[in-house]
Amino acid sequence: MQLGMVGLGRMGANMVRRLMRGGHSCVVFDRNPEAVRSLETEGADGAHSLSDFVGKLSVPRAAWAMVPAGPPTEAVVRELAGRMTAGDVIVDGGNSHFKDDVRRSASLAEEGILYCDAGTSGGLWGIDRGYCLMIGGTAEAVSRLEPVLRTLAPGRGEVPRTPGRKDGEGTAEEGYLHCGPAGAGHFVKMIHNGIEYGLMQAYAEGFDILRNAGSEEVAKEFRYDFDLPEVAELWRRGSVVGSWLLDLAATALRQDPLLSGYTGFVHDSGEGRWTVQAAVEEAVPADCLTSALYARFRSRKEHTFAEKVLSALRHQFGGHVERPSGG
């Protein structure tokens, strides 16, 4: 299948590479010409403007936007829609707010253009591990994208089948799911990221307590000097707290046991706030997720080892670089 990709940053470029490995043809565009040229050398069809990009796509067209949420996504979707025609499909694969998807979908439907929101998880590792895809939109639009979704997703792999699950029960165990109408994909991704905040915070606080077990605040006979990289490695083997995030924590601690390369300034990219807002709108208590969000706010004023763990984890899975404390 042919797919157009707008936005060739950390994830967009690697998604194109995974698709081409899977036999798909890709038309690519980015505001940075170097990013386009790089993928051209790997077999992609590079475009030098959005008009050129749309012109290179076969009708009915499929264009995937992988750009930052907010004004950048809004601009790309609007510009694509102005050049595309009825029957074409636009996918927003970034981290947009689900209410924006509902609005965009309704607006594009008036022109006969299909719209999908695709919550995409996988970070820097997705090119090899695959991307977990949470999709919102009409059944028609999702069906059109099925070949691309199946290639981008991890597939069943070596993950044991959930007891009682049988063949033909849906695509979730392949790593992608049509979650519902417009906005549903990004709603599920929003909650996914809110949970991620909580999980990361739990690991961060646990390692902080381990690190301070030998501090002068503790009675001398109860002090311990733990080897944190070894504890993280131990927990990866058979522990109920094992996870990919723990794998990444073990990697970060192995590389730098004191995490001296991190200040502990932890940014939040929006989804955690939106998760808490959704909880308020639904009158659902979300103590853990709210606390994890507030911990990130606090990290910008004072830095503990817990915040260094959080910062290291964000860098490990997504390549997120700490921002200066004023930014």
C-alpha atoms as a PDB file:
ATOM      1  CA  MET A   1       0.000   0.000   0.000  1.00  0.00           C
ATOM      2  CA  GLN A   2       1.089   3.584  -0.552  1.00  0.00           C
ATOM      3  CA  LEU A   3       1.116   5.957   2.420  1.00  0.00           C
ATOM      4  CA  GLY A   4       2.184   9.565   2.692  1.00  0.00           C
ATOM      5  CA  MET A   5       3.959  10.662   5.895  1.00  0.00           C
ATOM      6  CA  VAL A   6       4.157  14.316   6.944  1.00  0.00           C
ATOM      7  CA  GLY A   7       6.610  14.835   9.791  1.00  0.00           C
ATOM      8  CA  LEU A   8       9.895  12.951   9.828  1.00  0.00           C
ATOM      9  CA  GLY A   9      10.992  13.420  13.417  1.00  0.00           C
ATOM     10  CA  ARG A  10      11.967  10.742  15.930  1.00  0.00           C
ATOM     11  CA  MET A  11       8.914   8.582  15.276  1.00  0.00           C
ATOM     12  CA  GLY A  12       7.706   9.595  11.825  1.00  0.00           C
ATOM     13  CA  ALA A  13      10.954   8.689  10.071  1.00  0.00           C
ATOM     14  CA  ASN A  14      11.214   5.315  11.782  1.00  0.00           C
ATOM     15  CA  MET A  15       7.587   4.512  10.977  1.00  0.00           C
ATOM     16  CA  VAL A  16       8.383   5.141   7.317  1.00  0.00           C
ATOM     17  CA  ARG A  17      11.373   2.811   7.574  1.00  0.00           C
ATOM     18  CA  ARG A  18       9.268   0.060   9.155  1.00  0.00           C
ATOM     19  CA  LEU A  19       6.623   0.445   6.459  1.00  0.00           C
ATOM     20  CA  MET A  20       9.172   0.255   3.649  1.00  0.00           C
ATOM     21  CA  ARG A  21      10.705  -2.849   5.238  1.00  0.00           C
ATOM     22  CA  GLY A  22       7.212  -4.310   5.126  1.00  0.00           C
ATOM     23  CA  GLY A  23       6.890  -3.694   1.385  1.00  0.00           C
ATOM     24  CA  HIS A  24       4.842  -0.486   1.405  1.00  0.00           C
ATOM     25  CA  SER A  25       5.711   2.563  -0.680  1.00  0.00           C
ATOM     26  CA  CYS A  26       5.997   5.885   1.128  1.00  0.00           C
ATOM     27  CA  VAL A  27       5.809   9.499   0.023  1.00  0.00           C
ATOM     28  CA  VAL A  28       7.434  11.742   2.631  1.00  0.00           C
ATOM     29  CA  PHE A  29       7.485  15.428   3.490  1.00  0.00           C
ATOM     30  CA  ASP A  30       8.991  17.509   6.274  1.00  0.00           C
ATOM     31  CA  ARG A  31       9.729  21.195   6.718  1.00  0.00           C
ATOM     32  CA  ASN A  32      13.363  20.138   7.082  1.00  0.00           C
ATOM     33  CA  PRO A  33      14.677  19.195   3.591  1.00  0.00           C
ATOM     34  CA  GLU A  34      17.512  17.165   5.147  1.00  0.00           C
ATOM     35  CA  ALA A  35      15.011  14.802   6.751  1.00  0.00           C
ATOM     36  CA  VAL A  36      13.376  14.264   3.373  1.00  0.00           C
ATOM     37  CA  ARG A  37      16.703  13.685   1.598  1.00  0.00           C
ATOM     38  CA  SER A  38      17.758  11.159   4.227  1.00  0.00           C
ATOM     39  CA  LEU A  39      14.710   8.973   3.614  1.00  0.00           C
ATOM     40  CA  GLU A  40      14.992   9.401  -0.141  1.00  0.00           C
ATOM     41  CA  THR A  41      18.352   7.626   0.033  1.00  0.00           C
ATOM     42  CA  GLU A  42      16.535   4.723   1.729  1.00  0.00           C
ATOM     43  CA  GLY A  43      13.872   4.381  -0.949  1.00  0.00           C
ATOM     44  CA  ALA A  44      11.129   6.838  -0.009  1.00  0.00           C
ATOM     45  CA  ASP A  45       9.617   9.214  -2.571  1.00  0.00           C
ATOM     46  CA  GLY A  46      10.465  12.661  -1.233  1.00  0.00           C
ATOM     47  CA  ALA A  47       8.242  15.698  -1.710  1.00  0.00           C
ATOM     48  CA  HIS A  48       9.408  19.291  -1.511  1.00  0.00           C
ATOM     49  CA  SER A  49       6.093  20.917  -0.597  1.00  0.00           C
ATOM     50  CA  LEU A  50       2.682  19.800   0.623  1.00  0.00           C
ATOM     51  CA  SER A  51       1.296  20.356  -2.882  1.00  0.00           C
ATOM     52  CA  ASP A  52       4.045  18.146  -4.304  1.00  0.00           C
ATOM     53  CA  PHE A  53       3.337  15.622  -1.533  1.00  0.00           C
ATOM     54  CA  VAL A  54      -0.387  15.368  -2.295  1.00  0.00           C
ATOM     55  CA  GLY A  55       0.343  15.226  -6.028  1.00  0.00           C
ATOM     56  CA  LYS A  56       2.558  12.171  -5.578  1.00  0.00           C
ATOM     57  CA  LEU A  57      -0.154  10.202  -3.739  1.00  0.00           C
ATOM     58  CA  SER A  58      -2.398   7.848  -5.701  1.00  0.00           C
ATOM     59  CA  VAL A  59      -6.167   8.362  -5.460  1.00  0.00           C
ATOM     60  CA  PRO A  60      -7.785   7.562  -3.071  1.00  0.00           C
ATOM     61  CA  ARG A  61      -4.983   9.110  -1.038  1.00  0.00           C
ATOM     62  CA  ALA A  62      -3.845   8.220   2.486  1.00  0.00           C
ATOM     63  CA  ALA A  63      -1.773  10.789   4.389  1.00  0.00           C
ATOM     64  CA  TRP A  64      -0.460  10.356   7.944  1.00  0.00           C
ATOM     65  CA  ALA A  65       0.549  13.446   9.955  1.00  0.00           C
ATOM     66  CA  MET A  66       3.201  12.812  12.617  1.00  0.00           C
ATOM     67  CA  VAL A  67       3.779  16.315  13.935  1.00  0.00           C
ATOM     68  CA  PRO A  68       3.476  17.956  17.373  1.00  0.00           C
ATOM     69  CA  ALA A  69      -0.031  18.352  18.764  1.00  0.00           C
ATOM     70  CA  GLY A  70      -1.704  21.734  18.730  1.00  0.00           C
ATOM     71  CA  PRO A  71      -1.116  24.430  16.077  1.00  0.00           C
ATOM     72  CA  PRO A  72       1.373  22.331  14.008  1.00  0.00           C
ATOM     73  CA  THR A  73      -1.121  19.470  13.628  1.00  0.00           C
ATOM     74  CA  GLU A  74      -3.986  21.880  13.024  1.00  0.00           C
ATOM     75  CA  ALA A  75      -2.043  23.585  10.232  1.00  0.00           C
ATOM     76  CA  VAL A  76      -0.978  20.337   8.534  1.00  0.00           C
ATOM     77  CA  VAL A  77      -4.493  18.841   8.610  1.00  0.00           C
ATOM     78  CA  ARG A  78      -5.981  22.074   7.252  1.00  0.00           C
ATOM     79  CA  GLU A  79      -3.386  22.335   4.461  1.00  0.00           C
ATOM     80  CA  LEU A  80      -3.775  18.685   3.493  1.00  0.00           C
ATOM     81  CA  ALA A  81      -7.563  18.961   3.449  1.00  0.00           C
ATOM     82  CA  GLY A  82      -7.308  21.964   1.144  1.00  0.00           C
ATOM     83  CA  ARG A  83      -5.445  19.842  -1.404  1.00  0.00           C
ATOM     84  CA  MET A  84      -7.212  16.490  -1.027  1.00  0.00           C
ATOM     85  CA  THR A  85     -10.556  15.306  -2.367  1.00  0.00           C
ATOM     86  CA  ALA A  86     -13.546  13.217  -1.306  1.00  0.00           C
ATOM     87  CA  GLY A  87     -12.595   9.623  -0.475  1.00  0.00           C
ATOM     88  CA  ASP A  88      -9.082  10.518   0.708  1.00  0.00           C
ATOM     89  CA  VAL A  89      -8.100   9.788   4.318  1.00  0.00           C
ATOM     90  CA  ILE A  90      -6.050  11.883   6.738  1.00  0.00           C
ATOM     91  CA  VAL A  91      -4.549  10.327   9.879  1.00  0.00           C
ATOM     92  CA  ASP A  92      -3.356  12.305  12.883  1.00  0.00           C
ATOM     93  CA  GLY A  93      -0.802  10.072  14.589  1.00  0.00           C
ATOM     94  CA  GLY A  94       0.399  12.617  17.133  1.00  0.00           C
ATOM     95  CA  ASN A  95      -0.895  13.248  20.639  1.00  0.00           C
ATOM     96  CA  SER A  96      -3.805  15.552  19.881  1.00  0.00           C
ATOM     97  CA  HIS A  97      -6.633  16.175  22.334  1.00  0.00           C
ATOM     98  CA  PHE A  98      -9.538  13.891  21.462  1.00  0.00           C
ATOM     99  CA  LYS A  99     -12.014  16.789  21.323  1.00  0.00           C
ATOM    100  CA  ASP A 100      -9.974  18.320  18.494  1.00  0.00           C
ATOM    101  CA  ASP A 101     -10.349  15.047  16.591  1.00  0.00           C
ATOM    102  CA  VAL A 102     -14.127  15.128  16.936  1.00  0.00           C
ATOM    103  CA  ARG A 103     -14.173  18.676  15.526  1.00  0.00           C
ATOM    104  CA  ARG A 104     -11.781  17.924  12.667  1.00  0.00           C
ATOM    105  CA  SER A 105     -13.571  14.738  11.692  1.00  0.00           C
ATOM    106  CA  ALA A 106     -16.927  16.494  11.461  1.00  0.00           C
ATOM    107  CA  SER A 107     -15.450  19.348   9.428  1.00  0.00           C
ATOM    108  CA  LEU A 108     -13.659  17.047   6.966  1.00  0.00           C
ATOM    109  CA  ALA A 109     -16.727  14.823   6.596  1.00  0.00           C
ATOM    110  CA  GLU A 110     -18.539  17.782   5.027  1.00  0.00           C
ATOM    111  CA  GLU A 111     -15.970  17.575   2.210  1.00  0.00           C
ATOM    112  CA  GLY A 112     -16.128  13.777   1.999  1.00  0.00           C
ATOM    113  CA  ILE A 113     -12.610  13.400   3.434  1.00  0.00           C
ATOM    114  CA  LEU A 114     -12.139  10.576   5.935  1.00  0.00           C
ATOM    115  CA  TYR A 115     -10.292  11.230   9.196  1.00  0.00           C
ATOM    116  CA  CYS A 116      -8.620   8.909  11.712  1.00  0.00           C
ATOM    117  CA  ASP A 117      -6.877   9.650  14.985  1.00  0.00           C
ATOM    118  CA  ALA A 118      -4.154   7.149  15.792  1.00  0.00           C
ATOM    119  CA  GLY A 119      -2.650   7.149  19.254  1.00  0.00           C
ATOM    120  CA  THR A 120       0.837   5.779  18.645  1.00  0.00           C
ATOM    121  CA  SER A 121       3.098   4.276  21.310  1.00  0.00           C
ATOM    122  CA  GLY A 122       6.531   2.828  20.734  1.00  0.00           C
ATOM    123  CA  GLY A 123       8.954   5.720  20.869  1.00  0.00           C
ATOM    124  CA  LEU A 124      12.470   5.281  19.513  1.00  0.00           C
ATOM    125  CA  TRP A 125      12.206   1.489  19.735  1.00  0.00           C
ATOM    126  CA  GLY A 126       9.109   1.124  17.565  1.00  0.00           C
ATOM    127  CA  ILE A 127      11.039   0.645  14.341  1.00  0.00           C
ATOM    128  CA  ASP A 128      12.021  -2.841  15.550  1.00  0.00           C
ATOM    129  CA  ARG A 129       9.489  -3.585  18.305  1.00  0.00           C
ATOM    130  CA  GLY A 130       6.508  -2.201  16.428  1.00  0.00           C
ATOM    131  CA  TYR A 131       4.023   0.479  17.434  1.00  0.00           C
ATOM    132  CA  CYS A 132       0.978  -0.021  19.621  1.00  0.00           C
ATOM    133  CA  LEU A 133      -1.815   1.741  17.714  1.00  0.00           C
ATOM    134  CA  MET A 134      -5.066   3.042  19.200  1.00  0.00           C
ATOM    135  CA  ILE A 135      -7.316   4.183  16.370  1.00  0.00           C
ATOM    136  CA  GLY A 136     -10.449   6.307  16.188  1.00  0.00           C
ATOM    137  CA  GLY A 137     -12.561   6.928  13.104  1.00  0.00           C
ATOM    138  CA  THR A 138     -15.129   5.308  10.852  1.00  0.00           C
ATOM    139  CA  ALA A 139     -14.969   1.614  10.012  1.00  0.00           C
ATOM    140  CA  GLU A 140     -14.481   2.569   6.353  1.00  0.00           C
ATOM    141  CA  ALA A 141     -11.419   4.690   7.092  1.00  0.00           C
ATOM    142  CA  VAL A 142      -9.827   2.138   9.411  1.00  0.00           C
ATOM    143  CA  SER A 143     -10.452  -0.671   6.931  1.00  0.00           C
ATOM    144  CA  ARG A 144      -8.635   1.312   4.247  1.00  0.00           C
ATOM    145  CA  LEU A 145      -5.607   1.636   6.511  1.00  0.00           C
ATOM    146  CA  GLU A 146      -5.563  -2.011   7.623  1.00  0.00           C
ATOM    147  CA  PRO A 147      -2.448  -3.067   5.630  1.00  0.00           C
ATOM    148  CA  VAL A 148      -0.446  -0.151   7.062  1.00  0.00           C
ATOM    149  CA  LEU A 149      -1.687  -0.708  10.616  1.00  0.00           C
ATOM    150  CA  ARG A 150      -0.813  -4.388  10.498  1.00  0.00           C
ATOM    151  CA  THR A 151       2.745  -3.589   9.381  1.00  0.00           C
ATOM    152  CA  LEU A 152       3.330  -0.844  11.916  1.00  0.00           C
ATOM    153  CA  ALA A 153       1.964  -2.898  14.818  1.00  0.00           C
ATOM    154  CA  PRO A 154       4.168  -5.389  16.713  1.00  0.00           C
ATOM    155  CA  GLY A 155       2.099  -8.464  15.847  1.00  0.00           C
ATOM    156  CA  ARG A 156       1.479 -11.248  18.324  1.00  0.00           C
ATOM    157  CA  GLY A 157       5.185 -12.049  18.685  1.00  0.00           C
ATOM    158  CA  GLU A 158       6.214 -14.022  21.756  1.00  0.00           C
ATOM    159  CA  VAL A 159       3.674 -12.469  24.124  1.00  0.00           C
ATOM    160  CA  PRO A 160       1.652 -15.339  25.626  1.00  0.00           C
ATOM    161  CA  ARG A 161      -1.993 -15.375  24.617  1.00  0.00           C
ATOM    162  CA  THR A 162      -4.400 -14.239  27.345  1.00  0.00           C
ATOM    163  CA  PRO A 163      -6.075 -17.352  28.804  1.00  0.00           C
ATOM    164  CA  GLY A 164      -9.458 -17.934  27.216  1.00  0.00           C
ATOM    165  CA  ARG A 165      -8.744 -15.783  24.164  1.00  0.00           C
ATOM    166  CA  LYS A 166      -9.349 -17.458  20.792  1.00  0.00           C
ATOM    167  CA  ASP A 167      -8.553 -16.711  17.157  1.00  0.00           C
ATOM    168  CA  GLY A 168     -10.812 -14.215  15.472  1.00  0.00           C
ATOM    169  CA  GLU A 169     -11.531 -12.121  18.566  1.00  0.00           C
ATOM    170  CA  GLY A 170     -10.113  -8.932  17.114  1.00  0.00           C
ATOM    171  CA  THR A 171      -6.835  -7.232  16.366  1.00  0.00           C
ATOM    172  CA  ALA A 172      -5.809  -6.135  19.874  1.00  0.00           C
ATOM    173  CA  GLU A 173      -3.369  -9.002  20.333  1.00  0.00           C
ATOM    174  CA  GLU A 174      -1.731  -7.953  17.058  1.00  0.00           C
ATOM    175  CA  GLY A 175      -0.989  -4.566  18.597  1.00  0.00           C
ATOM    176  CA  TYR A 176      -3.620  -2.340  17.007  1.00  0.00           C
ATOM    177  CA  LEU A 177      -7.282  -1.667  17.730  1.00  0.00           C
ATOM    178  CA  HIS A 178     -10.139   0.336  16.264  1.00  0.00           C
ATOM    179  CA  CYS A 179     -11.271   1.860  19.558  1.00  0.00           C
ATOM    180  CA  GLY A 180     -14.365   3.680  18.300  1.00  0.00           C
ATOM    181  CA  PRO A 181     -15.450   6.816  16.403  1.00  0.00           C
ATOM    182  CA  ALA A 182     -13.447  10.012  15.971  1.00  0.00           C
ATOM    183  CA  GLY A 183     -11.412  10.879  19.065  1.00  0.00           C
ATOM    184  CA  ALA A 184     -11.617   7.398  20.592  1.00  0.00           C
ATOM    185  CA  GLY A 185      -8.067   6.494  19.602  1.00  0.00           C
ATOM    186  CA  HIS A 186      -6.548   9.582  21.160  1.00  0.00           C
ATOM    187  CA  PHE A 187      -8.768   9.212  24.240  1.00  0.00           C
ATOM    188  CA  VAL A 188      -7.359   5.713  24.840  1.00  0.00           C
ATOM    189  CA  LYS A 189      -3.823   6.996  24.181  1.00  0.00           C
ATOM    190  CA  MET A 190      -4.411   9.873  26.598  1.00  0.00           C
ATOM    191  CA  ILE A 191      -5.322   7.442  29.380  1.00  0.00           C
ATOM    192  CA  HIS A 192      -2.404   5.193  28.349  1.00  0.00           C
ATOM    193  CA  ASN A 193      -0.030   8.112  28.890  1.00  0.00           C
ATOM    194  CA  GLY A 194      -1.692   9.069  32.161  1.00  0.00           C
ATOM    195  CA  ILE A 195      -1.094   5.527  33.419  1.00  0.00           C
ATOM    196  CA  GLU A 196       2.472   5.777  32.156  1.00  0.00           C
ATOM    197  CA  TYR A 197       2.964   8.829  34.380  1.00  0.00           C
ATOM    198  CA  GLY A 198       1.806   6.803  37.403  1.00  0.00           C
ATOM    199  CA  LEU A 199       3.962   3.772  36.621  1.00  0.00           C
ATOM    200  CA  MET A 200       7.054   5.879  36.060  1.00  0.00           C
ATOM    201  CA  GLN A 201       6.440   7.766  39.285  1.00  0.00           C
ATOM    202  CA  ALA A 202       6.155   4.512  41.248  1.00  0.00           C
ATOM    203  CA  TYR A 203       9.483   3.234  39.904  1.00  0.00           C
ATOM    204  CA  ALA A 204      11.099   6.629  40.473  1.00  0.00           C
ATOM    205  CA  GLU A 205      10.006   6.871  44.103  1.00  0.00           C
ATOM    206  CA  GLY A 206      10.964   3.264  44.810  1.00  0.00           C
ATOM    207  CA  PHE A 207      14.496   3.730  43.513  1.00  0.00           C
ATOM    208  CA  ASP A 208      14.765   6.997  45.424  1.00  0.00           C
ATOM    209  CA  ILE A 209      13.933   5.183  48.680  1.00  0.00           C
ATOM    210  CA  LEU A 210      16.480   2.472  47.874  1.00  0.00           C
ATOM    211  CA  ARG A 211      19.144   5.074  47.116  1.00  0.00           C
ATOM    212  CA  ASN A 212      18.564   6.877  50.406  1.00  0.00           C
ATOM    213  CA  ALA A 213      18.517   3.729  52.534  1.00  0.00           C
ATOM    214  CA  GLY A 214      22.085   4.541  53.554  1.00  0.00           C
ATOM    215  CA  SER A 215      21.545   8.192  54.411  1.00  0.00           C
ATOM    216  CA  GLU A 216      22.318   9.747  57.762  1.00  0.00           C
ATOM    217  CA  GLU A 217      18.581  10.171  58.345  1.00  0.00           C
ATOM    218  CA  VAL A 218      18.441   6.419  59.014  1.00  0.00           C
ATOM    219  CA  ALA A 219      19.724   4.815  62.207  1.00  0.00           C
ATOM    220  CA  LYS A 220      23.188   3.369  61.546  1.00  0.00           C
ATOM    221  CA  GLU A 221      22.186  -0.243  62.228  1.00  0.00           C
ATOM    222  CA  PHE A 222      19.407  -0.014  59.621  1.00  0.00           C
ATOM    223  CA  ARG A 223      21.405   1.542  56.809  1.00  0.00           C
ATOM    224  CA  TYR A 224      21.930  -0.240  53.503  1.00  0.00           C
ATOM    225  CA  ASP A 225      24.047   0.538  50.474  1.00  0.00           C
ATOM    226  CA  PHE A 226      22.130  -0.945  47.557  1.00  0.00           C
ATOM    227  CA  ASP A 227      23.517  -1.498  44.062  1.00  0.00           C
ATOM    228  CA  LEU A 228      20.646   0.045  42.122  1.00  0.00           C
ATOM    229  CA  PRO A 229      21.600  -1.304  38.677  1.00  0.00           C
ATOM    230  CA  GLU A 230      21.698  -4.808  40.153  1.00  0.00           C
ATOM    231  CA  VAL A 231      18.360  -4.390  41.940  1.00  0.00           C
ATOM    232  CA  ALA A 232      16.763  -3.207  38.693  1.00  0.00           C
ATOM    233  CA  GLU A 233      18.282  -6.186  36.883  1.00  0.00           C
ATOM    234  CA  LEU A 234      17.038  -8.542  39.581  1.00  0.00           C
ATOM    235  CA  TRP A 235      13.466  -7.245  39.350  1.00  0.00           C
ATOM    236  CA  ARG A 236      13.475  -7.877  35.608  1.00  0.00           C
ATOM    237  CA  ARG A 237      13.718 -11.619  36.319  1.00  0.00           C
ATOM    238  CA  GLY A 238      10.414 -13.086  37.418  1.00  0.00           C
ATOM    239  CA  SER A 239       9.198 -10.146  39.517  1.00  0.00           C
ATOM    240  CA  VAL A 240       5.563  -9.015  39.356  1.00  0.00           C
ATOM    241  CA  VAL A 241       6.800  -5.434  38.841  1.00  0.00           C
ATOM    242  CA  GLY A 242       8.652  -6.371  35.667  1.00  0.00           C
ATOM    243  CA  SER A 243       7.839  -4.252  32.597  1.00  0.00           C
ATOM    244  CA  TRP A 244       9.412  -2.525  29.620  1.00  0.00           C
ATOM    245  CA  LEU A 245       9.716   0.632  31.737  1.00  0.00           C
ATOM    246  CA  LEU A 246      11.720  -1.364  34.280  1.00  0.00           C
ATOM    247  CA  ASP A 247      13.906  -2.650  31.432  1.00  0.00           C
ATOM    248  CA  LEU A 248      14.588   0.966  30.485  1.00  0.00           C
ATOM    249  CA  ALA A 249      15.296   1.910  34.104  1.00  0.00           C
ATOM    250  CA  ALA A 250      17.831  -0.925  34.276  1.00  0.00           C
ATOM    251  CA  THR A 251      19.475   0.353  31.094  1.00  0.00           C
ATOM    252  CA  ALA A 252      19.672   3.931  32.384  1.00  0.00           C
ATOM    253  CA  LEU A 253      21.068   2.875  35.774  1.00  0.00           C
ATOM    254  CA  ARG A 254      23.606   0.570  34.134  1.00  0.00           C
ATOM    255  CA  GLN A 255      24.849   3.435  31.981  1.00  0.00           C
ATOM    256  CA  ASP A 256      24.994   5.904  34.875  1.00  0.00           C
ATOM    257  CA  PRO A 257      24.189   4.539  38.382  1.00  0.00           C
ATOM    258  CA  LEU A 258      23.975   8.048  39.864  1.00  0.00           C
ATOM    259  CA  LEU A 259      22.083   9.444  36.851  1.00  0.00           C
ATOM    260  CA  SER A 260      24.503  12.359  37.007  1.00  0.00           C
ATOM    261  CA  GLY A 261      23.669  13.250  33.407  1.00  0.00           C
ATOM    262  CA  TYR A 262      20.161  14.298  34.423  1.00  0.00           C
ATOM    263  CA  THR A 263      19.054  17.275  36.477  1.00  0.00           C
ATOM    264  CA  GLY A 264      15.635  15.838  37.327  1.00  0.00           C
ATOM    265  CA  PHE A 265      13.649  18.501  35.464  1.00  0.00           C
ATOM    266  CA  VAL A 266      10.672  16.488  34.168  1.00  0.00           C
ATOM    267  CA  HIS A 267       8.483  17.921  31.443  1.00  0.00           C
ATOM    268  CA  ASP A 268       4.863  16.886  30.901  1.00  0.00           C
ATOM    269  CA  SER A 269       3.677  16.710  27.318  1.00  0.00           C
ATOM    270  CA  GLY A 270      -0.029  17.304  27.894  1.00  0.00           C
ATOM    271  CA  GLU A 271      -1.659  13.891  28.063  1.00  0.00           C
ATOM    272  CA  GLY A 272      -1.245  13.623  31.840  1.00  0.00           C
ATOM    273  CA  ARG A 273      -3.084  16.906  32.328  1.00  0.00           C
ATOM    274  CA  TRP A 274      -5.824  15.851  29.918  1.00  0.00           C
ATOM    275  CA  THR A 275      -6.212  12.536  31.743  1.00  0.00           C
ATOM    276  CA  VAL A 276      -6.771  14.356  35.027  1.00  0.00           C
ATOM    277  CA  GLN A 277      -9.200  16.752  33.329  1.00  0.00           C
ATOM    278  CA  ALA A 278     -11.145  13.790  31.910  1.00  0.00           C
ATOM    279  CA  ALA A 279     -11.255  12.221  35.373  1.00  0.00           C
ATOM    280  CA  VAL A 280     -12.711  15.460  36.759  1.00  0.00           C
ATOM    281  CA  GLU A 281     -15.314  15.625  33.967  1.00  0.00           C
ATOM    282  CA  GLU A 282     -16.319  12.009  34.681  1.00  0.00           C
ATOM    283  CA  ALA A 283     -16.146  12.418  38.477  1.00  0.00           C
ATOM    284  CA  VAL A 284     -13.685   9.511  38.645  1.00  0.00           C
ATOM    285  CA  PRO A 285     -11.106   9.563  41.483  1.00  0.00           C
ATOM    286  CA  ALA A 286      -7.593   9.403  40.002  1.00  0.00           C
ATOM    287  CA  ASP A 287      -5.346   9.914  43.029  1.00  0.00           C
ATOM    288  CA  CYS A 288      -2.262   8.147  41.692  1.00  0.00           C
ATOM    289  CA  LEU A 289      -2.310   9.725  38.237  1.00  0.00           C
ATOM    290  CA  THR A 290      -2.975  13.195  39.631  1.00  0.00           C
ATOM    291  CA  SER A 291      -0.121  12.867  42.128  1.00  0.00           C
ATOM    292  CA  ALA A 292       2.223  11.729  39.349  1.00  0.00           C
ATOM    293  CA  LEU A 293       1.327  14.829  37.321  1.00  0.00           C
ATOM    294  CA  TYR A 294       1.878  17.125  40.300  1.00  0.00           C
ATOM    295  CA  ALA A 295       5.242  15.463  40.951  1.00  0.00           C
ATOM    296  CA  ARG A 296       6.340  16.627  37.509  1.00  0.00           C
ATOM    297  CA  PHE A 297       5.272  20.163  38.333  1.00  0.00           C
ATOM    298  CA  ARG A 298       7.310  19.972  41.552  1.00  0.00           C
ATOM    299  CA  SER A 299      10.357  18.661  39.683  1.00  0.00           C
ATOM    300  CA  ARG A 300      10.799  22.044  38.039  1.00  0.00           C
ATOM    301  CA  LYS A 301      11.442  23.658  41.404  1.00  0.00           C
ATOM    302  CA  GLU A 302      13.487  21.011  43.278  1.00  0.00           C
ATOM    303  CA  HIS A 303      15.163  17.866  42.010  1.00  0.00           C
ATOM    304  CA  THR A 304      15.363  14.528  43.787  1.00  0.00           C
ATOM    305  CA  PHE A 305      16.816  11.243  42.585  1.00  0.00           C
ATOM    306  CA  ALA A 306      13.238  10.165  41.823  1.00  0.00           C
ATOM    307  CA  GLU A 307      12.961  12.951  39.286  1.00  0.00           C
ATOM    308  CA  LYS A 308      16.275  11.934  37.736  1.00  0.00           C
ATOM    309  CA  VAL A 309      14.843   8.421  37.280  1.00  0.00           C
ATOM    310  CA  LEU A 310      11.751   9.902  35.608  1.00  0.00           C
ATOM    311  CA  SER A 311      13.881  12.061  33.335  1.00  0.00           C
ATOM    312  CA  ALA A 312      16.102   9.098  32.461  1.00  0.00           C
ATOM    313  CA  LEU A 313      13.087   6.939  31.610  1.00  0.00           C
ATOM    314  CA  ARG A 314      11.636   9.615  29.304  1.00  0.00           C
ATOM    315  CA  HIS A 315      14.993   9.853  27.556  1.00  0.00           C
ATOM    316  CA  GLN A 316      15.301   6.073  27.252  1.00  0.00           C
ATOM    317  CA  PHE A 317      11.918   5.342  25.683  1.00  0.00           C
ATOM    318  CA  GLY A 318      11.261   8.501  23.722  1.00  0.00           C
ATOM    319  CA  GLY A 319      14.520  10.360  23.305  1.00  0.00           C
ATOM    320  CA  HIS A 320      13.069  13.266  25.288  1.00  0.00           C
ATOM    321  CA  VAL A 321      15.852  15.676  26.268  1.00  0.00           C
ATOM    322  CA  GLU A 322      15.566  17.741  29.430  1.00  0.00           C
ATOM    323  CA  ARG A 323      14.545  21.327  28.868  1.00  0.00           C
ATOM    324  CA  PRO A 324      16.259  24.200  30.653  1.00  0.00           C
ATOM    325  CA  SER A 325      14.500  25.046  33.907  1.00  0.00           C
ATOM    326  CA  GLY A 326      13.122  28.221  32.392  1.00  0.00           C
ATOM    327  CA  GLY A 327      11.596  26.501  29.339  1.00  0.00           C
END
